[in-house]
């Protein structure tokens, strides 16, 4: 369990800005890969909006156009990075002693498997995996490493910290 002192340190004003910035820059890395490079190499296009729209439509009956995009913009910039910061990062350091890139990829892979098998299959009624290939997992890993790298750098070098001599 994360102590209150550790949690309050992690959620300083600087950290609060780091979380959405890490997500935004990771999305900038992920989107060209998923929408451009993946199809360019003959693999499927990796874009989560279609699945999210389908899940919302199935759950709500009729989800308005743009609902998936809105849901992603409202939730993902905070939830993935906060989950990494407060759960995966803590676990990597205290329980498993893993390096942050391995934990970042493992955490994102877990979320990807949850999305593909749990959300896509029983909720949206799709077949398991939806024909996703390792390309989708590579894109998710790219996202994870970029977001984690930004958070790790910012946590190790907070703004206003004195420079080393």
C-alpha atoms as a PDB file:
ATOM      1  CA  UNK A   1       0.000   0.000   0.000  1.00  0.00           C
ATOM      2  CA  UNK A   2       1.256   3.495  -0.812  1.00  0.00           C
ATOM      3  CA  UNK A   3       1.777   5.624   2.283  1.00  0.00           C
ATOM      4  CA  UNK A   4       0.050   8.981   2.433  1.00  0.00           C
ATOM      5  CA  UNK A   5       3.383  10.802   2.524  1.00  0.00           C
ATOM      6  CA  UNK A   6       4.552   9.007  -0.617  1.00  0.00           C
ATOM      7  CA  UNK A   7       1.222   9.597  -2.364  1.00  0.00           C
ATOM      8  CA  UNK A   8       1.174  13.315  -1.513  1.00  0.00           C
ATOM      9  CA  UNK A   9       4.747  13.663  -2.782  1.00  0.00           C
ATOM     10  CA  UNK A  10       3.821  11.967  -6.031  1.00  0.00           C
ATOM     11  CA  UNK A  11       0.770  14.153  -6.496  1.00  0.00           C
ATOM     12  CA  UNK A  12       2.552  17.474  -6.129  1.00  0.00           C
ATOM     13  CA  UNK A  13       1.579  20.331  -8.423  1.00  0.00           C
ATOM     14  CA  UNK A  14       4.441  19.427 -10.735  1.00  0.00           C
ATOM     15  CA  UNK A  15       3.293  15.805 -10.917  1.00  0.00           C
ATOM     16  CA  UNK A  16      -0.298  16.820 -11.633  1.00  0.00           C
ATOM     17  CA  UNK A  17       0.898  18.533 -14.833  1.00  0.00           C
ATOM     18  CA  UNK A  18       3.301  15.721 -15.691  1.00  0.00           C
ATOM     19  CA  UNK A  19       0.528  13.119 -15.895  1.00  0.00           C
ATOM     20  CA  UNK A  20      -1.525  14.628 -18.782  1.00  0.00           C
ATOM     21  CA  UNK A  21       1.617  15.819 -20.575  1.00  0.00           C
ATOM     22  CA  UNK A  22       3.032  12.266 -20.471  1.00  0.00           C
ATOM     23  CA  UNK A  23      -0.225  10.924 -21.900  1.00  0.00           C
ATOM     24  CA  UNK A  24      -0.386  13.556 -24.638  1.00  0.00           C
ATOM     25  CA  UNK A  25       3.165  12.926 -25.819  1.00  0.00           C
ATOM     26  CA  UNK A  26       2.667   9.165 -25.649  1.00  0.00           C
ATOM     27  CA  UNK A  27      -0.470   9.550 -27.787  1.00  0.00           C
ATOM     28  CA  UNK A  28       1.573  11.575 -30.292  1.00  0.00           C
ATOM     29  CA  UNK A  29       3.951   8.590 -30.508  1.00  0.00           C
ATOM     30  CA  UNK A  30       1.165   5.981 -30.615  1.00  0.00           C
ATOM     31  CA  UNK A  31      -1.203   7.525 -33.163  1.00  0.00           C
ATOM     32  CA  UNK A  32       1.212   7.755 -36.118  1.00  0.00           C
ATOM     33  CA  UNK A  33       2.311   4.202 -35.395  1.00  0.00           C
ATOM     34  CA  UNK A  34      -1.202   2.814 -35.076  1.00  0.00           C
ATOM     35  CA  UNK A  35      -2.808   4.720 -37.908  1.00  0.00           C
ATOM     36  CA  UNK A  36       0.076   5.099 -40.322  1.00  0.00           C
ATOM     37  CA  UNK A  37       3.047   2.805 -39.828  1.00  0.00           C
ATOM     38  CA  UNK A  38       1.074  -0.297 -38.927  1.00  0.00           C
ATOM     39  CA  UNK A  39      -0.999  -0.297 -42.163  1.00  0.00           C
ATOM     40  CA  UNK A  40       2.080   0.760 -44.136  1.00  0.00           C
ATOM     41  CA  UNK A  41       3.749  -2.496 -43.070  1.00  0.00           C
ATOM     42  CA  UNK A  42       0.682  -4.524 -44.032  1.00  0.00           C
ATOM     43  CA  UNK A  43      -0.763  -4.910 -40.546  1.00  0.00           C
ATOM     44  CA  UNK A  44      -4.092  -3.819 -39.183  1.00  0.00           C
ATOM     45  CA  UNK A  45      -4.783  -0.214 -38.268  1.00  0.00           C
ATOM     46  CA  UNK A  46      -4.586   0.231 -34.501  1.00  0.00           C
ATOM     47  CA  UNK A  47      -7.120   2.798 -33.328  1.00  0.00           C
ATOM     48  CA  UNK A  48      -9.123   2.417 -30.116  1.00  0.00           C
ATOM     49  CA  UNK A  49     -12.019   4.723 -31.046  1.00  0.00           C
ATOM     50  CA  UNK A  50     -14.018   2.130 -33.000  1.00  0.00           C
ATOM     51  CA  UNK A  51     -13.949  -0.349 -30.140  1.00  0.00           C
ATOM     52  CA  UNK A  52     -14.803   2.313 -27.584  1.00  0.00           C
ATOM     53  CA  UNK A  53     -17.749   3.525 -29.693  1.00  0.00           C
ATOM     54  CA  UNK A  54     -18.987  -0.041 -30.091  1.00  0.00           C
ATOM     55  CA  UNK A  55     -18.762  -0.722 -26.339  1.00  0.00           C
ATOM     56  CA  UNK A  56     -20.618   2.503 -25.537  1.00  0.00           C
ATOM     57  CA  UNK A  57     -23.312   1.765 -28.112  1.00  0.00           C
ATOM     58  CA  UNK A  58     -23.779  -1.744 -26.771  1.00  0.00           C
ATOM     59  CA  UNK A  59     -23.861  -0.597 -23.140  1.00  0.00           C
ATOM     60  CA  UNK A  60     -26.061   2.486 -23.665  1.00  0.00           C
ATOM     61  CA  UNK A  61     -28.176   1.281 -26.560  1.00  0.00           C
ATOM     62  CA  UNK A  62     -27.378   4.254 -28.764  1.00  0.00           C
ATOM     63  CA  UNK A  63     -24.239   6.253 -28.106  1.00  0.00           C
ATOM     64  CA  UNK A  64     -23.976   9.566 -29.919  1.00  0.00           C
ATOM     65  CA  UNK A  65     -21.253  10.035 -32.515  1.00  0.00           C
ATOM     66  CA  UNK A  66     -18.127  11.275 -30.825  1.00  0.00           C
ATOM     67  CA  UNK A  67     -18.960   9.706 -27.464  1.00  0.00           C
ATOM     68  CA  UNK A  68     -15.940   7.399 -27.624  1.00  0.00           C
ATOM     69  CA  UNK A  69     -13.584  10.247 -28.432  1.00  0.00           C
ATOM     70  CA  UNK A  70     -15.012  12.323 -25.593  1.00  0.00           C
ATOM     71  CA  UNK A  71     -14.711   9.425 -23.168  1.00  0.00           C
ATOM     72  CA  UNK A  72     -11.083   8.876 -24.176  1.00  0.00           C
ATOM     73  CA  UNK A  73     -10.179  12.556 -23.868  1.00  0.00           C
ATOM     74  CA  UNK A  74     -11.833  12.782 -20.450  1.00  0.00           C
ATOM     75  CA  UNK A  75     -10.461   9.553 -18.974  1.00  0.00           C
ATOM     76  CA  UNK A  76      -7.258   8.347 -20.619  1.00  0.00           C
ATOM     77  CA  UNK A  77      -5.029  11.382 -19.995  1.00  0.00           C
ATOM     78  CA  UNK A  78      -5.402  10.784 -16.279  1.00  0.00           C
ATOM     79  CA  UNK A  79      -6.171   7.119 -15.708  1.00  0.00           C
ATOM     80  CA  UNK A  80      -3.308   5.375 -17.524  1.00  0.00           C
ATOM     81  CA  UNK A  81      -0.542   7.656 -16.239  1.00  0.00           C
ATOM     82  CA  UNK A  82      -1.998   7.764 -12.710  1.00  0.00           C
ATOM     83  CA  UNK A  83      -2.276   3.988 -12.706  1.00  0.00           C
ATOM     84  CA  UNK A  84       1.337   3.715 -13.786  1.00  0.00           C
ATOM     85  CA  UNK A  85       2.443   6.295 -11.258  1.00  0.00           C
ATOM     86  CA  UNK A  86       0.514   5.054  -8.235  1.00  0.00           C
ATOM     87  CA  UNK A  87       0.288   1.302  -8.893  1.00  0.00           C
ATOM     88  CA  UNK A  88       2.802  -0.011 -11.420  1.00  0.00           C
ATOM     89  CA  UNK A  89       5.684   2.279 -10.477  1.00  0.00           C
ATOM     90  CA  UNK A  90       5.241   1.584  -6.774  1.00  0.00           C
ATOM     91  CA  UNK A  91       5.011  -2.140  -7.440  1.00  0.00           C
ATOM     92  CA  UNK A  92       8.079  -2.104  -9.691  1.00  0.00           C
ATOM     93  CA  UNK A  93      10.161  -0.458  -7.003  1.00  0.00           C
ATOM     94  CA  UNK A  94       8.844  -2.082  -3.841  1.00  0.00           C
ATOM     95  CA  UNK A  95       7.603  -5.537  -4.761  1.00  0.00           C
ATOM     96  CA  UNK A  96       9.173  -6.750  -7.973  1.00  0.00           C
ATOM     97  CA  UNK A  97      12.297  -4.594  -8.316  1.00  0.00           C
ATOM     98  CA  UNK A  98      11.782  -4.229 -12.061  1.00  0.00           C
ATOM     99  CA  UNK A  99      13.193  -1.472 -14.190  1.00  0.00           C
ATOM    100  CA  UNK A 100      10.594   1.104 -15.196  1.00  0.00           C
ATOM    101  CA  UNK A 101      10.510   0.234 -18.936  1.00  0.00           C
ATOM    102  CA  UNK A 102       9.632  -3.395 -18.148  1.00  0.00           C
ATOM    103  CA  UNK A 103       6.954  -2.390 -15.662  1.00  0.00           C
ATOM    104  CA  UNK A 104       5.526   0.209 -18.047  1.00  0.00           C
ATOM    105  CA  UNK A 105       5.203  -2.355 -20.837  1.00  0.00           C
ATOM    106  CA  UNK A 106       3.826  -4.989 -18.457  1.00  0.00           C
ATOM    107  CA  UNK A 107       1.247  -2.587 -17.055  1.00  0.00           C
ATOM    108  CA  UNK A 108       0.113  -1.398 -20.493  1.00  0.00           C
ATOM    109  CA  UNK A 109      -0.007  -4.982 -21.763  1.00  0.00           C
ATOM    110  CA  UNK A 110      -2.263  -5.890 -18.851  1.00  0.00           C
ATOM    111  CA  UNK A 111      -4.585  -2.999 -19.732  1.00  0.00           C
ATOM    112  CA  UNK A 112      -4.533  -4.000 -23.408  1.00  0.00           C
ATOM    113  CA  UNK A 113      -5.449  -7.599 -22.590  1.00  0.00           C
ATOM    114  CA  UNK A 114      -8.245  -6.335 -20.343  1.00  0.00           C
ATOM    115  CA  UNK A 115      -9.566  -4.102 -23.135  1.00  0.00           C
ATOM    116  CA  UNK A 116      -9.372  -6.767 -25.808  1.00  0.00           C
ATOM    117  CA  UNK A 117     -10.587  -9.779 -23.822  1.00  0.00           C
ATOM    118  CA  UNK A 118     -12.842  -8.293 -21.150  1.00  0.00           C
ATOM    119  CA  UNK A 119     -14.333  -5.206 -22.754  1.00  0.00           C
ATOM    120  CA  UNK A 120     -14.344  -6.224 -26.403  1.00  0.00           C
ATOM    121  CA  UNK A 121     -15.576  -9.761 -25.909  1.00  0.00           C
ATOM    122  CA  UNK A 122     -18.423  -9.915 -23.373  1.00  0.00           C
ATOM    123  CA  UNK A 123     -19.438  -6.239 -23.349  1.00  0.00           C
ATOM    124  CA  UNK A 124     -19.237  -5.411 -27.049  1.00  0.00           C
ATOM    125  CA  UNK A 125     -19.903  -8.961 -28.257  1.00  0.00           C
ATOM    126  CA  UNK A 126     -16.773  -9.212 -30.397  1.00  0.00           C
ATOM    127  CA  UNK A 127     -14.651 -12.309 -30.820  1.00  0.00           C
ATOM    128  CA  UNK A 128     -11.649 -12.464 -28.521  1.00  0.00           C
ATOM    129  CA  UNK A 129      -8.668 -10.459 -29.703  1.00  0.00           C
ATOM    130  CA  UNK A 130     -10.599  -8.893 -32.617  1.00  0.00           C
ATOM    131  CA  UNK A 131      -7.920 -10.000 -35.013  1.00  0.00           C
ATOM    132  CA  UNK A 132      -5.405  -7.741 -33.284  1.00  0.00           C
ATOM    133  CA  UNK A 133      -1.850  -8.756 -33.918  1.00  0.00           C
ATOM    134  CA  UNK A 134       1.396  -8.190 -32.150  1.00  0.00           C
ATOM    135  CA  UNK A 135       1.395  -4.831 -33.931  1.00  0.00           C
ATOM    136  CA  UNK A 136      -1.275  -3.579 -31.537  1.00  0.00           C
ATOM    137  CA  UNK A 137       0.816  -4.744 -28.621  1.00  0.00           C
ATOM    138  CA  UNK A 138       3.879  -2.983 -30.052  1.00  0.00           C
ATOM    139  CA  UNK A 139       1.851   0.227 -30.309  1.00  0.00           C
ATOM    140  CA  UNK A 140       0.644  -0.150 -26.723  1.00  0.00           C
ATOM    141  CA  UNK A 141       4.232  -0.780 -25.593  1.00  0.00           C
ATOM    142  CA  UNK A 142       5.427   2.314 -27.441  1.00  0.00           C
ATOM    143  CA  UNK A 143       2.759   4.367 -25.685  1.00  0.00           C
ATOM    144  CA  UNK A 144       3.747   2.921 -22.298  1.00  0.00           C
ATOM    145  CA  UNK A 145       7.465   3.540 -22.658  1.00  0.00           C
ATOM    146  CA  UNK A 146       7.016   7.145 -23.841  1.00  0.00           C
ATOM    147  CA  UNK A 147       4.564   7.990 -21.045  1.00  0.00           C
ATOM    148  CA  UNK A 148       6.680   6.280 -18.389  1.00  0.00           C
ATOM    149  CA  UNK A 149       9.912   7.880 -19.637  1.00  0.00           C
ATOM    150  CA  UNK A 150       8.394  11.340 -19.323  1.00  0.00           C
ATOM    151  CA  UNK A 151       7.045  10.634 -15.849  1.00  0.00           C
ATOM    152  CA  UNK A 152      10.299   9.060 -14.671  1.00  0.00           C
ATOM    153  CA  UNK A 153      12.338  11.987 -15.992  1.00  0.00           C
ATOM    154  CA  UNK A 154      10.038  14.577 -14.414  1.00  0.00           C
ATOM    155  CA  UNK A 155       9.944  12.748 -11.083  1.00  0.00           C
ATOM    156  CA  UNK A 156      13.721  12.467 -10.993  1.00  0.00           C
ATOM    157  CA  UNK A 157      14.264  16.066 -12.179  1.00  0.00           C
ATOM    158  CA  UNK A 158      11.410  18.181 -10.815  1.00  0.00           C
ATOM    159  CA  UNK A 159      11.132  21.804 -11.868  1.00  0.00           C
ATOM    160  CA  UNK A 160      12.855  24.164  -9.523  1.00  0.00           C
ATOM    161  CA  UNK A 161      15.244  21.522  -8.202  1.00  0.00           C
ATOM    162  CA  UNK A 162      18.799  22.692  -7.795  1.00  0.00           C
ATOM    163  CA  UNK A 163      21.079  21.547 -10.597  1.00  0.00           C
ATOM    164  CA  UNK A 164      23.874  19.157  -9.694  1.00  0.00           C
ATOM    165  CA  UNK A 165      27.311  20.810  -9.549  1.00  0.00           C
END
